[in-house]
Amino acid sequence: MLQSADLDSVRSFVVRELVDFGAEPDKVADGARLEELEIDSLGVVELTASIRREFGVDVPLEALTKDVTVAGVIALIQGAAAA
């Protein structure tokens, strides 16, 4: 499992990536769904690639549905890193 400092860096990474993909910074909160942030399917594909580059883990594309929240994305990264 990622340490708490690592959790903060994962959260910062996810927020930064979502903003880069067009999400409004003030709307990116743990409970915000990707759909609410207007992250489209291309953004999801880019996010999985970014996660792989940054953390060296694979998050299944199908796990990053429009209903997943920011906290859910963070949890998926943590789960993949712990495996």
N, C-alpha and C. Protein backbone atom coordinates (compact mmCIF):
# COMPACT_ATOMS: atom_id res chain seq x y z
N MET A 1 0.85 -1.19 0.00
CA MET A 1 0.00 0.00 0.00
C MET A 1 0.89 1.24 0.00
N LEU A 2 0.45 2.26 -0.65
CA LEU A 2 1.22 3.50 -0.70
C LEU A 2 1.22 4.17 0.66
N GLN A 3 2.33 4.76 0.99
CA GLN A 3 2.42 5.52 2.23
C GLN A 3 1.61 6.80 2.09
N SER A 4 1.36 7.47 3.22
CA SER A 4 0.52 8.68 3.19
C SER A 4 1.12 9.78 2.32
N ALA A 5 2.44 9.94 2.35
CA ALA A 5 3.08 10.94 1.47
C ALA A 5 2.86 10.54 0.02
N ASP A 6 2.95 9.25 -0.24
CA ASP A 6 2.70 8.78 -1.59
C ASP A 6 1.24 9.01 -1.99
N LEU A 7 0.33 8.83 -1.04
CA LEU A 7 -1.08 9.08 -1.31
C LEU A 7 -1.28 10.53 -1.74
N ASP A 8 -0.62 11.45 -1.06
CA ASP A 8 -0.71 12.86 -1.43
C ASP A 8 -0.15 13.09 -2.83
N SER A 9 0.94 12.43 -3.16
CA SER A 9 1.52 12.62 -4.49
C SER A 9 0.63 11.98 -5.56
N VAL A 10 -0.02 10.86 -5.24
CA VAL A 10 -0.96 10.25 -6.19
C VAL A 10 -2.13 11.19 -6.42
N ARG A 11 -2.68 11.73 -5.35
CA ARG A 11 -3.81 12.66 -5.47
C ARG A 11 -3.40 13.88 -6.31
N SER A 12 -2.24 14.44 -6.03
CA SER A 12 -1.76 15.61 -6.80
C SER A 12 -1.60 15.26 -8.27
N PHE A 13 -1.05 14.09 -8.53
CA PHE A 13 -0.88 13.63 -9.91
C PHE A 13 -2.23 13.53 -10.62
N VAL A 14 -3.20 12.87 -9.98
CA VAL A 14 -4.51 12.68 -10.60
C VAL A 14 -5.17 14.02 -10.86
N VAL A 15 -5.13 14.92 -9.90
CA VAL A 15 -5.73 16.25 -10.08
C VAL A 15 -5.06 16.97 -11.25
N ARG A 16 -3.74 16.95 -11.27
CA ARG A 16 -2.99 17.63 -12.34
C ARG A 16 -3.35 17.06 -13.72
N GLU A 17 -3.42 15.74 -13.81
CA GLU A 17 -3.76 15.11 -15.08
C GLU A 17 -5.17 15.47 -15.53
N LEU A 18 -6.12 15.43 -14.61
CA LEU A 18 -7.50 15.74 -14.97
C LEU A 18 -7.64 17.19 -15.43
N VAL A 19 -6.93 18.09 -14.78
CA VAL A 19 -6.94 19.50 -15.20
C VAL A 19 -6.31 19.62 -16.58
N ASP A 20 -5.21 18.91 -16.81
CA ASP A 20 -4.58 18.93 -18.13
C ASP A 20 -5.52 18.42 -19.22
N PHE A 21 -6.42 17.50 -18.84
CA PHE A 21 -7.37 16.94 -19.81
C PHE A 21 -8.63 17.79 -19.93
N GLY A 22 -8.67 18.95 -19.26
CA GLY A 22 -9.77 19.88 -19.45
C GLY A 22 -10.71 20.08 -18.29
N ALA A 23 -10.51 19.38 -17.18
CA ALA A 23 -11.38 19.57 -16.02
C ALA A 23 -11.09 20.93 -15.38
N GLU A 24 -12.13 21.55 -14.85
CA GLU A 24 -11.95 22.81 -14.15
C GLU A 24 -11.35 22.52 -12.77
N PRO A 25 -10.23 23.18 -12.43
CA PRO A 25 -9.52 22.88 -11.19
C PRO A 25 -10.40 22.93 -9.94
N ASP A 26 -11.32 23.88 -9.87
CA ASP A 26 -12.14 24.01 -8.66
C ASP A 26 -13.22 22.93 -8.57
N LYS A 27 -13.39 22.14 -9.61
CA LYS A 27 -14.39 21.06 -9.58
C LYS A 27 -13.77 19.69 -9.31
N VAL A 28 -12.44 19.62 -9.33
CA VAL A 28 -11.77 18.34 -9.12
C VAL A 28 -11.67 18.08 -7.61
N ALA A 29 -12.61 17.27 -7.11
CA ALA A 29 -12.65 16.89 -5.70
C ALA A 29 -12.77 15.37 -5.63
N ASP A 30 -12.47 14.80 -4.48
CA ASP A 30 -12.49 13.35 -4.34
C ASP A 30 -13.80 12.71 -4.80
N GLY A 31 -14.92 13.37 -4.54
CA GLY A 31 -16.22 12.80 -4.89
C GLY A 31 -16.70 13.11 -6.29
N ALA A 32 -15.94 13.88 -7.05
CA ALA A 32 -16.35 14.24 -8.41
C ALA A 32 -16.16 13.06 -9.36
N ARG A 33 -17.17 12.77 -10.16
CA ARG A 33 -17.09 11.70 -11.15
C ARG A 33 -16.42 12.23 -12.42
N LEU A 34 -15.74 11.34 -13.12
CA LEU A 34 -15.07 11.75 -14.36
C LEU A 34 -16.06 12.38 -15.33
N GLU A 35 -17.27 11.84 -15.38
CA GLU A 35 -18.29 12.39 -16.27
C GLU A 35 -18.61 13.84 -15.90
N GLU A 36 -18.72 14.13 -14.61
CA GLU A 36 -19.00 15.50 -14.16
C GLU A 36 -17.87 16.45 -14.53
N LEU A 37 -16.67 15.90 -14.61
CA LEU A 37 -15.50 16.71 -14.95
C LEU A 37 -15.31 16.82 -16.46
N GLU A 38 -16.24 16.21 -17.20
CA GLU A 38 -16.22 16.22 -18.66
C GLU A 38 -14.97 15.57 -19.25
N ILE A 39 -14.54 14.49 -18.58
CA ILE A 39 -13.43 13.70 -19.10
C ILE A 39 -14.03 12.66 -20.04
N ASP A 40 -13.67 12.74 -21.31
CA ASP A 40 -14.23 11.83 -22.31
C ASP A 40 -13.39 10.56 -22.42
N SER A 41 -13.78 9.69 -23.34
CA SER A 41 -13.09 8.40 -23.48
C SER A 41 -11.62 8.57 -23.87
N LEU A 42 -11.31 9.57 -24.67
CA LEU A 42 -9.91 9.83 -25.01
C LEU A 42 -9.13 10.24 -23.76
N GLY A 43 -9.74 11.07 -22.93
CA GLY A 43 -9.11 11.47 -21.67
C GLY A 43 -8.85 10.28 -20.77
N VAL A 44 -9.77 9.33 -20.75
CA VAL A 44 -9.60 8.12 -19.93
C VAL A 44 -8.43 7.30 -20.45
N VAL A 45 -8.33 7.15 -21.77
CA VAL A 45 -7.21 6.42 -22.36
C VAL A 45 -5.90 7.12 -22.03
N GLU A 46 -5.87 8.43 -22.16
CA GLU A 46 -4.66 9.20 -21.83
C GLU A 46 -4.32 9.08 -20.35
N LEU A 47 -5.35 9.05 -19.50
CA LEU A 47 -5.11 8.91 -18.06
C LEU A 47 -4.47 7.56 -17.74
N THR A 48 -4.96 6.49 -18.35
CA THR A 48 -4.36 5.18 -18.09
C THR A 48 -2.89 5.15 -18.54
N ALA A 49 -2.60 5.78 -19.67
CA ALA A 49 -1.22 5.84 -20.15
C ALA A 49 -0.35 6.67 -19.20
N SER A 50 -0.89 7.77 -18.70
CA SER A 50 -0.15 8.62 -17.76
C SER A 50 0.13 7.88 -16.45
N ILE A 51 -0.86 7.12 -15.99
CA ILE A 51 -0.69 6.34 -14.75
C ILE A 51 0.42 5.31 -14.95
N ARG A 52 0.42 4.65 -16.09
CA ARG A 52 1.45 3.66 -16.39
C ARG A 52 2.84 4.30 -16.40
N ARG A 53 2.95 5.46 -17.05
CA ARG A 53 4.25 6.16 -17.12
C ARG A 53 4.71 6.62 -15.74
N GLU A 54 3.79 7.19 -14.97
CA GLU A 54 4.16 7.78 -13.68
C GLU A 54 4.43 6.75 -12.59
N PHE A 55 3.60 5.70 -12.53
CA PHE A 55 3.67 4.76 -11.41
C PHE A 55 4.08 3.34 -11.82
N GLY A 56 4.17 3.09 -13.12
CA GLY A 56 4.57 1.77 -13.58
C GLY A 56 3.53 0.69 -13.31
N VAL A 57 2.27 1.09 -13.20
CA VAL A 57 1.19 0.12 -12.95
C VAL A 57 0.13 0.26 -14.04
N ASP A 58 -0.57 -0.83 -14.26
CA ASP A 58 -1.67 -0.83 -15.23
C ASP A 58 -2.99 -0.79 -14.50
N VAL A 59 -3.78 0.20 -14.81
CA VAL A 59 -5.15 0.29 -14.32
C VAL A 59 -6.03 -0.09 -15.51
N PRO A 60 -6.88 -1.11 -15.34
CA PRO A 60 -7.72 -1.53 -16.46
C PRO A 60 -8.58 -0.38 -16.99
N LEU A 61 -8.58 -0.24 -18.28
CA LEU A 61 -9.34 0.82 -18.92
C LEU A 61 -10.81 0.75 -18.54
N GLU A 62 -11.35 -0.46 -18.47
CA GLU A 62 -12.76 -0.61 -18.15
C GLU A 62 -13.09 -0.21 -16.71
N ALA A 63 -12.07 -0.11 -15.85
CA ALA A 63 -12.30 0.33 -14.47
C ALA A 63 -12.51 1.84 -14.39
N LEU A 64 -12.04 2.55 -15.39
CA LEU A 64 -12.15 4.01 -15.39
C LEU A 64 -13.38 4.44 -16.19
N THR A 65 -14.53 4.05 -15.69
CA THR A 65 -15.78 4.43 -16.33
C THR A 65 -16.09 5.88 -16.00
N LYS A 66 -17.10 6.41 -16.65
CA LYS A 66 -17.50 7.79 -16.38
C LYS A 66 -18.04 7.95 -14.96
N ASP A 67 -18.47 6.84 -14.35
CA ASP A 67 -19.02 6.91 -13.00
C ASP A 67 -17.96 6.86 -11.90
N VAL A 68 -16.73 6.55 -12.25
CA VAL A 68 -15.69 6.48 -11.23
C VAL A 68 -15.37 7.90 -10.75
N THR A 69 -15.09 8.01 -9.46
CA THR A 69 -14.77 9.32 -8.88
C THR A 69 -13.26 9.52 -8.85
N VAL A 70 -12.86 10.73 -8.52
CA VAL A 70 -11.44 11.03 -8.36
C VAL A 70 -10.85 10.12 -7.28
N ALA A 71 -11.57 9.96 -6.17
CA ALA A 71 -11.11 9.06 -5.11
C ALA A 71 -11.02 7.62 -5.62
N GLY A 72 -11.93 7.25 -6.49
CA GLY A 72 -11.89 5.91 -7.09
C GLY A 72 -10.67 5.70 -7.95
N VAL A 73 -10.29 6.71 -8.70
CA VAL A 73 -9.07 6.63 -9.53
C VAL A 73 -7.86 6.45 -8.62
N ILE A 74 -7.80 7.22 -7.55
CA ILE A 74 -6.69 7.13 -6.60
C ILE A 74 -6.64 5.72 -6.00
N ALA A 75 -7.80 5.19 -5.62
CA ALA A 75 -7.87 3.84 -5.04
C ALA A 75 -7.42 2.78 -6.05
N LEU A 76 -7.79 2.95 -7.30
CA LEU A 76 -7.35 2.01 -8.34
C LEU A 76 -5.84 2.01 -8.49
N ILE A 77 -5.23 3.19 -8.43
CA ILE A 77 -3.77 3.28 -8.52
C ILE A 77 -3.14 2.61 -7.31
N GLN A 78 -3.69 2.88 -6.12
CA GLN A 78 -3.17 2.25 -4.90
C GLN A 78 -3.28 0.74 -4.98
N GLY A 79 -4.43 0.25 -5.43
CA GLY A 79 -4.63 -1.19 -5.54
C GLY A 79 -3.66 -1.83 -6.51
N ALA A 80 -3.44 -1.19 -7.64
CA ALA A 80 -2.51 -1.72 -8.63
C ALA A 80 -1.08 -1.70 -8.10
N ALA A 81 -0.74 -0.66 -7.35
CA ALA A 81 0.62 -0.55 -6.80
C ALA A 81 0.86 -1.58 -5.71
N ALA A 82 -0.20 -1.95 -4.98
CA ALA A 82 -0.07 -2.90 -3.89
C ALA A 82 -0.02 -4.35 -4.39
N ALA A 83 -0.47 -4.55 -5.62
CA ALA A 83 -0.54 -5.93 -6.16
C ALA A 83 0.82 -6.46 -6.53
